[in-house]
Protein backbone atom coordinates (compact mmCIF):
# COMPACT_ATOMS: atom_id res chain seq x y z
CA UNK A 1 5.42 86.99 83.19
CA UNK A 2 8.91 85.74 83.62
CA UNK A 3 9.76 84.01 87.00
CA UNK A 4 12.56 85.73 88.82
CA UNK A 5 14.95 82.66 88.38
CA UNK A 6 14.78 83.38 84.68
CA UNK A 7 15.56 87.27 85.00
CA UNK A 8 18.58 86.26 87.19
CA UNK A 9 19.76 83.83 84.57
CA UNK A 10 19.39 86.21 81.84
CA UNK A 11 21.44 89.19 83.92
CA UNK A 12 24.29 86.76 84.54
CA UNK A 13 24.43 85.69 81.10
CA UNK A 14 24.51 89.13 80.04
CA UNK A 15 27.61 90.06 82.41
CA UNK A 16 29.66 86.95 80.99
CA UNK A 17 29.11 87.93 77.29
CA UNK A 18 32.26 88.74 75.44
CA UNK A 19 32.29 92.04 73.95
CA UNK A 20 32.63 92.44 70.62
CA UNK A 21 32.47 95.41 68.04
CA UNK A 22 30.66 95.06 64.81
CA UNK A 23 31.06 97.35 61.92
CA UNK A 24 28.36 98.29 59.30
CA UNK A 25 28.20 100.11 56.06
CA UNK A 26 26.39 103.11 55.53
CA UNK A 27 23.61 101.37 53.90
CA UNK A 28 23.15 99.57 57.36
CA UNK A 29 24.67 96.12 55.95
CA UNK A 30 26.79 94.44 58.98
CA UNK A 31 30.33 93.50 58.19
CA UNK A 32 32.29 90.79 59.81
CA UNK A 33 32.68 91.22 63.76
CA UNK A 34 36.28 91.59 64.98
CA UNK A 35 37.67 91.16 68.36
CA UNK A 36 40.06 93.68 69.54
CA UNK A 37 42.75 91.50 71.62
CA UNK A 38 46.31 91.67 72.42
CA UNK A 39 49.58 93.39 70.58
CA UNK A 40 49.92 93.75 66.77
CA UNK A 41 53.20 92.01 65.52
CA UNK A 42 54.87 95.31 64.69
CA UNK A 43 54.59 96.38 68.41
CA UNK A 44 56.40 93.04 69.43
CA UNK A 45 59.15 93.65 67.14
CA UNK A 46 59.70 97.50 68.33
CA UNK A 47 59.88 95.97 71.96
CA UNK A 48 62.12 93.23 71.06
CA UNK A 49 64.37 95.97 69.40
CA UNK A 50 64.30 98.43 72.07
CA UNK A 51 65.41 95.72 74.65
CA UNK A 52 68.37 94.77 72.43
CA UNK A 53 69.58 98.37 72.15
CA UNK A 54 69.23 98.74 76.01
CA UNK A 55 71.17 95.52 76.53
CA UNK A 56 73.83 96.59 74.19
CA UNK A 57 74.28 100.06 75.86
CA UNK A 58 74.45 98.31 79.38
CA UNK A 59 77.07 95.72 78.39
CA UNK A 60 78.99 98.60 77.05
CA UNK A 61 78.68 100.55 80.38
CA UNK A 62 79.36 97.79 82.37
CA UNK A 63 82.56 97.19 80.38
CA UNK A 64 83.85 100.66 80.91
CA UNK A 65 83.03 100.65 84.48
CA UNK A 66 85.27 97.39 85.14
CA UNK A 67 88.00 99.07 83.32
CA UNK A 68 87.89 102.30 85.33
CA UNK A 69 87.65 100.29 88.52
CA UNK A 70 90.94 98.21 87.52
CA UNK A 71 92.50 101.24 86.61
CA UNK A 72 91.59 103.03 89.87
CA UNK A 73 92.87 99.93 91.81
CA UNK A 74 95.93 99.61 90.04
CA UNK A 75 96.72 103.44 90.83
CA UNK A 76 95.81 103.26 94.49
CA UNK A 77 98.38 100.12 94.78
CA UNK A 78 101.38 101.87 93.06
CA UNK A 79 100.77 104.78 95.27
CA UNK A 80 100.88 102.54 98.30
CA UNK A 81 104.24 100.87 97.07
CA UNK A 82 105.67 104.41 96.25
CA UNK A 83 104.47 105.60 99.87
CA UNK A 84 106.48 102.71 101.35
CA UNK A 85 109.69 103.58 99.22
CA UNK A 86 109.56 107.08 100.08
CA UNK A 87 109.23 106.36 103.76
CA UNK A 88 112.24 104.10 103.45
CA UNK A 89 114.28 107.01 101.43
CA UNK A 90 113.34 109.50 104.60
CA UNK A 91 114.38 106.79 107.14
CA UNK A 92 117.85 105.61 105.52
CA UNK A 93 118.96 109.32 104.63
CA UNK A 94 118.77 110.20 108.47
CA UNK A 95 121.22 107.12 109.55
CA UNK A 96 123.73 108.15 112.27
CA UNK A 97 127.32 107.42 112.40
CA UNK A 98 126.98 105.46 115.50
CA UNK A 99 128.12 102.11 116.26
CA UNK A 100 125.37 99.23 115.97
CA UNK A 101 124.77 97.00 118.69
CA UNK A 102 126.62 93.84 117.32
CA UNK A 103 129.59 96.19 116.83
CA UNK A 104 132.78 95.39 118.92
CA UNK A 105 135.91 97.44 119.59
CA UNK A 106 137.70 95.78 117.03
CA UNK A 107 135.01 96.06 114.54
CA UNK A 108 133.03 99.19 114.60
CA UNK A 109 130.20 99.24 111.95
CA UNK A 110 127.77 102.05 111.54
CA UNK A 111 125.73 100.56 108.82
CA UNK A 112 125.22 96.79 108.09
CA UNK A 113 124.02 96.14 104.49
CA UNK A 114 122.90 93.36 102.42
CA UNK A 115 120.95 92.56 99.41
CA UNK A 116 117.55 91.94 101.38
CA UNK A 117 118.51 93.58 104.73
CA UNK A 118 119.59 97.09 106.18
CA UNK A 119 120.62 98.01 109.81
CA UNK A 120 121.37 101.35 110.94
CA UNK A 121 120.96 103.73 113.78
CA UNK A 122 118.48 106.64 113.10
CA UNK A 123 116.58 109.13 114.84
CA UNK A 124 112.63 108.52 114.86
CA UNK A 125 109.83 110.77 115.28
CA UNK A 126 107.49 109.62 118.24
CA UNK A 127 105.16 112.37 118.77
CA UNK A 128 104.70 116.28 118.26
CA UNK A 129 108.12 117.44 118.47
CA UNK A 130 109.55 114.49 120.26
CA UNK A 131 112.02 111.97 118.77
CA UNK A 132 114.23 108.79 120.01
CA UNK A 133 117.16 107.25 118.78
CA UNK A 134 116.55 103.90 117.48
CA UNK A 135 118.48 100.77 115.81
CA UNK A 136 116.57 100.13 112.73
CA UNK A 137 116.40 96.87 110.56
CA UNK A 138 114.68 96.72 107.33
CA UNK A 139 113.99 93.10 106.01
CA UNK A 140 111.33 90.61 104.98
CA UNK A 141 109.45 89.81 108.20
CA UNK A 142 109.90 86.23 109.79
CA UNK A 143 106.01 85.82 110.29
CA UNK A 144 105.16 86.14 106.73
CA UNK A 145 107.88 86.13 104.29
CA UNK A 146 106.10 88.71 102.01
CA UNK A 147 105.66 91.42 104.45
CA UNK A 148 108.15 94.42 104.67
CA UNK A 149 108.84 94.70 108.43
CA UNK A 150 111.01 97.52 110.14
CA UNK A 151 111.95 96.55 113.69
CA UNK A 152 112.99 99.26 115.95
CA UNK A 153 115.20 98.80 118.82
CA UNK A 154 115.59 101.56 121.39
CA UNK A 155 118.95 102.69 122.05
CA UNK A 156 120.48 102.66 125.46
CA UNK A 157 119.97 105.99 127.05
CA UNK A 158 116.67 106.72 125.29
CA UNK A 159 113.58 107.54 126.91
CA UNK A 160 112.10 103.98 127.77
CA UNK A 161 108.63 105.30 128.88
CA UNK A 162 107.94 106.75 125.46
CA UNK A 163 109.44 103.92 123.04
CA UNK A 164 108.76 100.35 122.84
CA UNK A 165 111.85 97.63 122.93
CA UNK A 166 111.94 95.85 119.57
CA UNK A 167 108.86 97.44 118.12
CA UNK A 168 107.93 95.64 114.88
CA UNK A 169 105.96 97.69 112.14
CA UNK A 170 104.59 96.15 109.05
CA UNK A 171 105.34 98.64 106.17
CA UNK A 172 103.73 96.81 103.23
CA UNK A 173 102.49 93.23 102.20
CA UNK A 174 102.88 91.03 99.13
CA UNK A 175 106.64 92.03 98.50
CA UNK A 176 108.05 89.25 96.46
CA UNK A 177 111.70 91.15 96.00
CA UNK A 178 113.76 93.72 97.51
CA UNK A 179 117.07 94.97 96.83
CA UNK A 180 119.45 97.29 98.46
CA UNK A 181 122.60 98.61 96.68
CA UNK A 182 125.18 100.86 98.47
CA UNK A 183 127.44 103.79 97.09
CA UNK A 184 131.15 103.82 98.37
CA UNK A 185 131.72 107.57 98.43
CA UNK A 186 135.32 107.49 99.37
CA UNK A 187 137.98 108.80 96.76
CA UNK A 188 138.56 106.35 94.40
CA UNK A 189 135.61 103.85 95.13
CA UNK A 190 132.51 105.55 93.43
CA UNK A 191 130.96 101.90 92.66
CA UNK A 192 127.66 100.58 94.01
CA UNK A 193 127.84 97.27 95.72
CA UNK A 194 125.42 94.52 96.78
CA UNK A 195 126.90 94.69 100.62
CA UNK A 196 128.32 97.23 103.22
CA UNK A 197 130.04 96.58 106.25
CA UNK A 198 132.85 99.23 106.19
CA UNK A 199 134.29 99.96 109.55
CA UNK A 200 133.29 103.56 111.02
CA UNK A 201 131.98 104.77 107.60
CA UNK A 202 128.42 105.34 106.15
CA UNK A 203 127.95 104.88 102.58
CA UNK A 204 127.27 108.03 100.61
CA UNK A 205 124.10 106.72 99.24
CA UNK A 206 121.61 103.73 99.20
CA UNK A 207 119.27 102.82 96.38
CA UNK A 208 116.74 100.13 96.50
CA UNK A 209 113.92 98.57 94.52
CA UNK A 210 110.55 97.03 95.76
CA UNK A 211 108.44 94.63 93.96
CA UNK A 212 104.95 93.80 95.42
CA UNK A 213 102.61 91.28 93.93
CA UNK A 214 98.79 91.78 94.25
CA UNK A 215 95.82 89.95 92.41
CA UNK A 216 97.87 88.73 89.84
CA UNK A 217 99.60 92.11 89.13
CA UNK A 218 103.23 93.35 89.80
CA UNK A 219 103.96 96.88 91.20
CA UNK A 220 107.55 98.14 91.69
CA UNK A 221 108.93 101.25 92.99
CA UNK A 222 112.69 102.34 93.19
CA UNK A 223 114.06 104.47 95.79
CA UNK A 224 117.17 106.40 96.43
CA UNK A 225 118.53 107.83 99.68
CA UNK A 226 121.60 110.09 100.13
CA UNK A 227 122.99 109.94 103.56
CA UNK A 228 123.02 113.28 105.07
CA UNK A 229 125.76 112.70 107.82
CA UNK A 230 127.93 110.63 105.44
CA UNK A 231 130.17 113.67 104.79
CA UNK A 232 130.45 114.35 108.59
CA UNK A 233 131.11 110.94 109.94
CA UNK A 234 134.03 110.31 112.12
CA UNK A 235 137.45 109.33 110.71
CA UNK A 236 138.77 105.92 110.99
CA UNK A 237 140.73 105.53 114.00
CA UNK A 238 144.53 104.39 113.57
């Protein structure tokens, strides 16, 4: 009769035995035993091939995604520069034939223009069906030289409660260059010039270019403003 300790030892030994499969021939002869463990070499090769194909597709997809993101970013930046150009076109085209604050009785100037700066009087909207006459200066800002800034100075007699004295508006940043040109529409002088200081006259048109540098890329936009009141301005006084 086996003792209890021997029976427990036999049972534990049976639990830790490694399962093996034995193949026998029809006649009952036992063939070599084989352990079924791990993956076959062909399985590993197929898996590596699949990983390589998926990796190649992911690289192509990521490359196309980066290209689309660059194109989208460049398009958005160009739209921003074009919007700034259209805004300037509208503002300059509404210039009024009124003397600037720096004018004197002997030197009455309606519009003062340089290659990088323009000053004029114009009507600006300040609310729903409300507007105010302001003296407008467009140039590169003094705080950061790459920011195109519009300074709006309220004219005497405007509604001071609805306007701000010397209000500065940043139009667009990253500006590397801006150039204004002025067209003299008087008879026999239909040429573009880099400056304008004619007495009691507005130029017939103003054209300009804006160049902006962002993330190593340069974006530019050209604008053309035909002054609406250039043909109805006051004639020079004798």
